[in-house]
Amino acid sequence: MKTRVNWIIDGSIEVEAENASDAEQIVADKLQHFIQSHPALTNDLGATAIQGQAIDENGDPLSRSELN
């Protein structure tokens, strides 16, 4: 029997950056490198998207105007 399974990987990281936009880019670059280094993520596990957003000290997303 074939059964479709949706999955999510959730995480959080603190990085040193000049601003929130730069922090998002640093993490995006690290994730892109990881994905390219592990093709099974897309080939075998069907990963189709990855996203992230800078958050404040309360865990709330920063608005686009707060990023720079």
N, C-alpha and C. Protein backbone atom coordinates (compact mmCIF):
# COMPACT_ATOMS: atom_id res chain seq x y z
N MET A 1 0.84 -1.17 0.00
CA MET A 1 0.00 0.00 0.00
C MET A 1 0.89 1.25 0.00
N LYS A 2 0.63 2.17 -0.92
CA LYS A 2 1.37 3.43 -0.95
C LYS A 2 0.60 4.45 -0.13
N THR A 3 1.33 5.12 0.75
CA THR A 3 0.74 6.16 1.59
C THR A 3 1.62 7.39 1.52
N ARG A 4 1.04 8.53 1.24
CA ARG A 4 1.79 9.78 1.19
C ARG A 4 1.97 10.30 2.63
N VAL A 5 3.20 10.73 2.93
CA VAL A 5 3.53 11.28 4.25
C VAL A 5 4.06 12.69 4.06
N ASN A 6 3.40 13.67 4.65
CA ASN A 6 3.91 15.05 4.67
C ASN A 6 4.76 15.19 5.92
N TRP A 7 5.89 15.85 5.80
CA TRP A 7 6.77 16.02 6.95
C TRP A 7 7.30 17.45 7.00
N ILE A 8 7.67 17.86 8.17
CA ILE A 8 8.21 19.21 8.41
C ILE A 8 9.42 19.07 9.32
N ILE A 9 10.46 19.82 8.99
CA ILE A 9 11.61 19.94 9.88
C ILE A 9 11.59 21.37 10.41
N ASP A 10 11.58 21.52 11.70
CA ASP A 10 11.51 22.85 12.32
C ASP A 10 12.80 23.09 13.08
N GLY A 11 13.27 24.31 13.07
CA GLY A 11 14.49 24.61 13.80
C GLY A 11 14.65 26.10 14.04
N SER A 12 15.63 26.43 14.83
CA SER A 12 15.92 27.83 15.15
C SER A 12 17.42 27.95 15.40
N ILE A 13 18.01 29.05 14.94
CA ILE A 13 19.44 29.27 15.10
C ILE A 13 19.69 30.75 15.33
N GLU A 14 20.68 31.07 16.11
CA GLU A 14 21.10 32.46 16.29
C GLU A 14 22.40 32.65 15.52
N VAL A 15 22.48 33.72 14.74
CA VAL A 15 23.69 34.02 13.98
C VAL A 15 24.08 35.48 14.20
N GLU A 16 25.36 35.75 14.10
CA GLU A 16 25.87 37.12 14.16
C GLU A 16 25.72 37.74 12.79
N ALA A 17 25.07 38.90 12.72
CA ALA A 17 24.90 39.60 11.44
C ALA A 17 24.67 41.07 11.72
N GLU A 18 24.86 41.89 10.69
CA GLU A 18 24.65 43.33 10.80
C GLU A 18 23.19 43.68 11.02
N ASN A 19 22.29 42.88 10.42
CA ASN A 19 20.85 43.13 10.54
C ASN A 19 20.11 41.82 10.29
N ALA A 20 18.79 41.87 10.48
CA ALA A 20 17.97 40.66 10.34
C ALA A 20 17.98 40.12 8.92
N SER A 21 18.00 41.00 7.93
CA SER A 21 18.03 40.56 6.54
C SER A 21 19.31 39.77 6.26
N ASP A 22 20.44 40.27 6.75
CA ASP A 22 21.70 39.56 6.58
C ASP A 22 21.67 38.21 7.31
N ALA A 23 21.06 38.19 8.49
CA ALA A 23 20.95 36.94 9.25
C ALA A 23 20.15 35.91 8.46
N GLU A 24 19.03 36.33 7.88
CA GLU A 24 18.24 35.42 7.06
C GLU A 24 19.05 34.87 5.90
N GLN A 25 19.86 35.73 5.27
CA GLN A 25 20.66 35.30 4.12
C GLN A 25 21.75 34.32 4.53
N ILE A 26 22.37 34.55 5.68
CA ILE A 26 23.39 33.63 6.18
C ILE A 26 22.80 32.24 6.38
N VAL A 27 21.63 32.19 7.00
CA VAL A 27 20.98 30.90 7.24
C VAL A 27 20.53 30.27 5.92
N ALA A 28 19.99 31.07 5.02
CA ALA A 28 19.57 30.55 3.71
C ALA A 28 20.75 29.93 2.97
N ASP A 29 21.91 30.60 3.03
CA ASP A 29 23.10 30.07 2.36
C ASP A 29 23.54 28.74 2.98
N LYS A 30 23.51 28.66 4.32
CA LYS A 30 23.88 27.41 4.99
C LYS A 30 22.93 26.28 4.62
N LEU A 31 21.63 26.57 4.60
CA LEU A 31 20.65 25.55 4.26
C LEU A 31 20.79 25.11 2.80
N GLN A 32 21.02 26.05 1.91
CA GLN A 32 21.20 25.73 0.49
C GLN A 32 22.40 24.81 0.31
N HIS A 33 23.48 25.12 1.00
CA HIS A 33 24.68 24.29 0.91
C HIS A 33 24.37 22.88 1.42
N PHE A 34 23.66 22.79 2.54
CA PHE A 34 23.31 21.49 3.09
C PHE A 34 22.46 20.68 2.12
N ILE A 35 21.46 21.32 1.53
CA ILE A 35 20.57 20.63 0.58
C ILE A 35 21.36 20.13 -0.62
N GLN A 36 22.24 20.97 -1.15
CA GLN A 36 23.04 20.57 -2.30
C GLN A 36 24.00 19.44 -1.96
N SER A 37 24.44 19.37 -0.71
CA SER A 37 25.36 18.33 -0.27
C SER A 37 24.65 17.02 0.08
N HIS A 38 23.32 17.06 0.18
CA HIS A 38 22.54 15.88 0.55
C HIS A 38 21.38 15.71 -0.42
N PRO A 39 21.65 15.26 -1.63
CA PRO A 39 20.59 15.15 -2.64
C PRO A 39 19.47 14.19 -2.26
N ALA A 40 19.71 13.30 -1.30
CA ALA A 40 18.63 12.39 -0.88
C ALA A 40 17.46 13.17 -0.29
N LEU A 41 17.71 14.35 0.23
CA LEU A 41 16.63 15.16 0.77
C LEU A 41 15.58 15.45 -0.28
N THR A 42 16.01 15.78 -1.48
CA THR A 42 15.04 16.05 -2.54
C THR A 42 14.72 14.79 -3.33
N ASN A 43 15.71 13.96 -3.61
CA ASN A 43 15.49 12.78 -4.45
C ASN A 43 14.69 11.70 -3.73
N ASP A 44 15.06 11.38 -2.51
CA ASP A 44 14.42 10.27 -1.79
C ASP A 44 13.29 10.73 -0.87
N LEU A 45 13.49 11.87 -0.23
CA LEU A 45 12.51 12.33 0.76
C LEU A 45 11.51 13.34 0.21
N GLY A 46 11.70 13.78 -1.03
CA GLY A 46 10.72 14.64 -1.68
C GLY A 46 10.65 16.07 -1.18
N ALA A 47 11.72 16.55 -0.57
CA ALA A 47 11.71 17.94 -0.10
C ALA A 47 11.52 18.87 -1.28
N THR A 48 10.55 19.79 -1.18
CA THR A 48 10.26 20.71 -2.27
C THR A 48 10.39 22.17 -1.87
N ALA A 49 10.47 22.45 -0.58
CA ALA A 49 10.54 23.84 -0.14
C ALA A 49 11.25 23.93 1.20
N ILE A 50 11.87 25.06 1.41
CA ILE A 50 12.47 25.38 2.69
C ILE A 50 12.35 26.88 2.88
N GLN A 51 12.01 27.31 4.06
CA GLN A 51 11.84 28.74 4.28
C GLN A 51 12.26 29.10 5.69
N GLY A 52 12.50 30.36 5.90
CA GLY A 52 12.86 30.86 7.22
C GLY A 52 12.53 32.33 7.34
N GLN A 53 12.46 32.81 8.55
CA GLN A 53 12.17 34.22 8.78
C GLN A 53 12.79 34.64 10.10
N ALA A 54 13.36 35.83 10.12
CA ALA A 54 13.91 36.38 11.35
C ALA A 54 12.77 36.64 12.34
N ILE A 55 13.06 36.38 13.63
CA ILE A 55 12.07 36.60 14.68
C ILE A 55 12.64 37.48 15.78
N ASP A 56 11.76 38.10 16.54
CA ASP A 56 12.21 38.93 17.65
C ASP A 56 12.43 38.08 18.90
N GLU A 57 12.78 38.73 20.01
CA GLU A 57 13.10 38.00 21.24
C GLU A 57 11.89 37.25 21.82
N ASN A 58 10.69 37.58 21.37
CA ASN A 58 9.48 36.89 21.82
C ASN A 58 9.08 35.75 20.88
N GLY A 59 9.83 35.58 19.79
CA GLY A 59 9.50 34.54 18.83
C GLY A 59 8.53 34.98 17.75
N ASP A 60 8.21 36.28 17.72
CA ASP A 60 7.30 36.79 16.70
C ASP A 60 8.08 37.18 15.45
N PRO A 61 7.53 36.89 14.26
CA PRO A 61 8.22 37.25 13.02
C PRO A 61 8.43 38.75 12.91
N LEU A 62 9.60 39.14 12.40
CA LEU A 62 9.86 40.55 12.12
C LEU A 62 9.17 40.93 10.83
N SER A 63 8.64 42.15 10.78
CA SER A 63 8.03 42.62 9.55
C SER A 63 9.13 42.94 8.54
N ARG A 64 8.79 43.00 7.29
CA ARG A 64 9.78 43.29 6.26
C ARG A 64 10.48 44.62 6.54
N SER A 65 9.77 45.60 7.10
CA SER A 65 10.38 46.92 7.36
C SER A 65 11.39 46.86 8.50
N GLU A 66 11.31 45.84 9.35
CA GLU A 66 12.23 45.72 10.49
C GLU A 66 13.51 44.97 10.13
N LEU A 67 13.58 44.44 8.93
CA LEU A 67 14.71 43.58 8.59
C LEU A 67 16.01 44.33 8.41
N ASN A 68 15.98 45.55 7.96
CA ASN A 68 17.23 46.30 7.73
C ASN A 68 17.47 47.33 8.79
